[in-house]
């Protein structure tokens, strides 16, 4: 396990979240706590990326390039299911870039860009 600096940036159609935190990298996983106190886990796999968030809200998304995958978002006792269309998925030893659309039924709910830069401390 190694300590890493993480710069997190998420842009959606109507919102942008950016912050810098210290996290850990272990077994192809980025692990960090965001400014809201939620635990975040990003699992780098051969064919895609899994993103989990646990806390006030819980999120589970799977990103595979040019495939429709499933995701869930739970908050205040309500769980929302999404279809995820990943349009861009690039990752290396220091950067993750994902561009994806969220659908419920046939309706586009949001279009998002997630960029994470990280490096050893």
Protein backbone atom coordinates (compact mmCIF):
# COMPACT_ATOMS: atom_id res chain seq x y z
CA UNK A 1 0.00 0.00 0.00
CA UNK A 2 1.33 3.40 -0.92
CA UNK A 3 0.13 6.90 -0.09
CA UNK A 4 -0.94 9.03 -3.05
CA UNK A 5 -2.11 12.57 -3.77
CA UNK A 6 -5.43 12.54 -5.62
CA UNK A 7 -6.99 15.37 -7.61
CA UNK A 8 -10.64 14.49 -8.27
CA UNK A 9 -12.78 16.36 -10.81
CA UNK A 10 -16.35 15.43 -11.79
CA UNK A 11 -18.33 17.54 -14.26
CA UNK A 12 -21.97 16.95 -15.10
CA UNK A 13 -24.51 18.92 -17.09
CA UNK A 14 -25.31 21.16 -14.11
CA UNK A 15 -22.57 20.66 -11.53
CA UNK A 16 -18.82 20.43 -11.01
CA UNK A 17 -17.01 18.91 -8.04
CA UNK A 18 -13.27 19.23 -7.57
CA UNK A 19 -11.06 18.45 -4.60
CA UNK A 20 -7.62 17.23 -3.59
CA UNK A 21 -7.16 14.48 -0.98
CA UNK A 22 -4.59 11.97 0.20
CA UNK A 23 -5.47 8.36 -0.47
CA UNK A 24 -3.95 4.93 -0.88
CA UNK A 25 -3.12 2.75 -3.85
CA UNK A 26 -3.15 -1.00 -3.28
CA UNK A 27 -3.93 -4.02 -5.47
CA UNK A 28 -5.07 -1.89 -8.44
CA UNK A 29 -7.40 0.13 -6.17
CA UNK A 30 -7.54 3.80 -5.30
CA UNK A 31 -9.02 4.29 -1.85
CA UNK A 32 -9.82 7.72 -0.40
CA UNK A 33 -12.26 9.69 1.72
CA UNK A 34 -13.82 12.70 0.02
CA UNK A 35 -14.47 16.07 1.74
CA UNK A 36 -18.03 14.95 2.64
CA UNK A 37 -16.60 12.00 4.61
CA UNK A 38 -17.69 9.34 2.10
CA UNK A 39 -15.36 6.43 1.33
CA UNK A 40 -14.45 6.06 -2.36
CA UNK A 41 -13.02 2.96 -4.03
CA UNK A 42 -11.91 2.87 -7.64
CA UNK A 43 -10.94 -0.55 -8.93
CA UNK A 44 -8.80 -0.68 -12.07
CA UNK A 45 -9.55 -3.82 -14.07
CA UNK A 46 -8.27 -5.14 -17.35
CA UNK A 47 -11.53 -4.44 -19.18
CA UNK A 48 -12.85 -1.45 -17.22
CA UNK A 49 -13.22 0.44 -13.97
CA UNK A 50 -15.52 -0.07 -11.00
CA UNK A 51 -16.37 2.96 -8.85
CA UNK A 52 -17.89 2.59 -5.37
CA UNK A 53 -18.86 5.33 -2.95
CA UNK A 54 -20.12 4.61 0.56
CA UNK A 55 -21.48 7.05 3.10
CA UNK A 56 -24.48 9.41 3.13
CA UNK A 57 -25.13 8.15 -0.38
CA UNK A 58 -23.98 4.88 -1.91
CA UNK A 59 -22.93 4.49 -5.50
CA UNK A 60 -21.85 1.53 -7.58
CA UNK A 61 -20.91 2.14 -11.22
CA UNK A 62 -19.16 -0.06 -13.77
CA UNK A 63 -17.42 1.55 -16.75
CA UNK A 64 -16.52 -0.50 -19.82
CA UNK A 65 -15.73 1.37 -23.04
CA UNK A 66 -18.52 1.31 -25.64
CA UNK A 67 -20.70 -1.00 -23.57
CA UNK A 68 -23.92 -0.44 -21.67
CA UNK A 69 -23.43 -1.38 -18.02
CA UNK A 70 -25.52 -0.97 -14.87
CA UNK A 71 -25.12 1.39 -11.96
CA UNK A 72 -26.94 2.18 -8.75
CA UNK A 73 -27.18 5.27 -6.58
CA UNK A 74 -28.83 5.05 -3.17
CA UNK A 75 -29.69 8.04 -1.00
CA UNK A 76 -32.23 8.65 1.80
CA UNK A 77 -33.67 5.13 1.49
CA UNK A 78 -34.23 5.42 -2.27
CA UNK A 79 -32.25 3.44 -4.83
CA UNK A 80 -31.97 4.61 -8.43
CA UNK A 81 -30.80 2.28 -11.18
CA UNK A 82 -29.05 3.55 -14.27
CA UNK A 83 -27.77 2.30 -17.57
CA UNK A 84 -24.27 3.63 -18.11
CA UNK A 85 -22.93 4.29 -21.61
CA UNK A 86 -19.16 4.80 -21.35
CA UNK A 87 -17.94 6.91 -24.27
CA UNK A 88 -14.33 7.48 -23.13
CA UNK A 89 -12.28 5.33 -20.78
CA UNK A 90 -8.56 5.94 -20.43
CA UNK A 91 -6.37 5.08 -17.49
CA UNK A 92 -2.71 4.79 -16.71
CA UNK A 93 -0.51 4.67 -13.62
CA UNK A 94 -1.28 8.33 -12.82
CA UNK A 95 -4.53 9.30 -14.55
CA UNK A 96 -8.12 8.17 -15.06
CA UNK A 97 -10.42 9.82 -17.61
CA UNK A 98 -14.02 8.69 -18.09
CA UNK A 99 -16.81 10.27 -20.12
CA UNK A 100 -20.21 8.64 -19.69
CA UNK A 101 -23.96 9.10 -19.97
CA UNK A 102 -26.53 7.95 -17.42
CA UNK A 103 -29.93 6.72 -18.62
CA UNK A 104 -33.11 5.67 -16.85
CA UNK A 105 -35.27 3.86 -19.35
CA UNK A 106 -34.78 5.74 -22.60
CA UNK A 107 -34.23 9.08 -20.87
CA UNK A 108 -30.79 10.68 -20.67
CA UNK A 109 -30.45 11.72 -17.01
CA UNK A 110 -26.94 13.17 -17.07
CA UNK A 111 -23.73 13.36 -19.05
CA UNK A 112 -20.55 13.25 -16.95
CA UNK A 113 -16.80 13.58 -17.18
CA UNK A 114 -14.66 12.13 -14.40
CA UNK A 115 -10.95 12.94 -14.24
CA UNK A 116 -8.69 11.67 -11.50
CA UNK A 117 -4.98 12.43 -11.36
CA UNK A 118 -2.86 10.71 -8.74
CA UNK A 119 0.80 10.26 -7.88
CA UNK A 120 2.99 8.99 -5.05
CA UNK A 121 3.63 11.26 -2.13
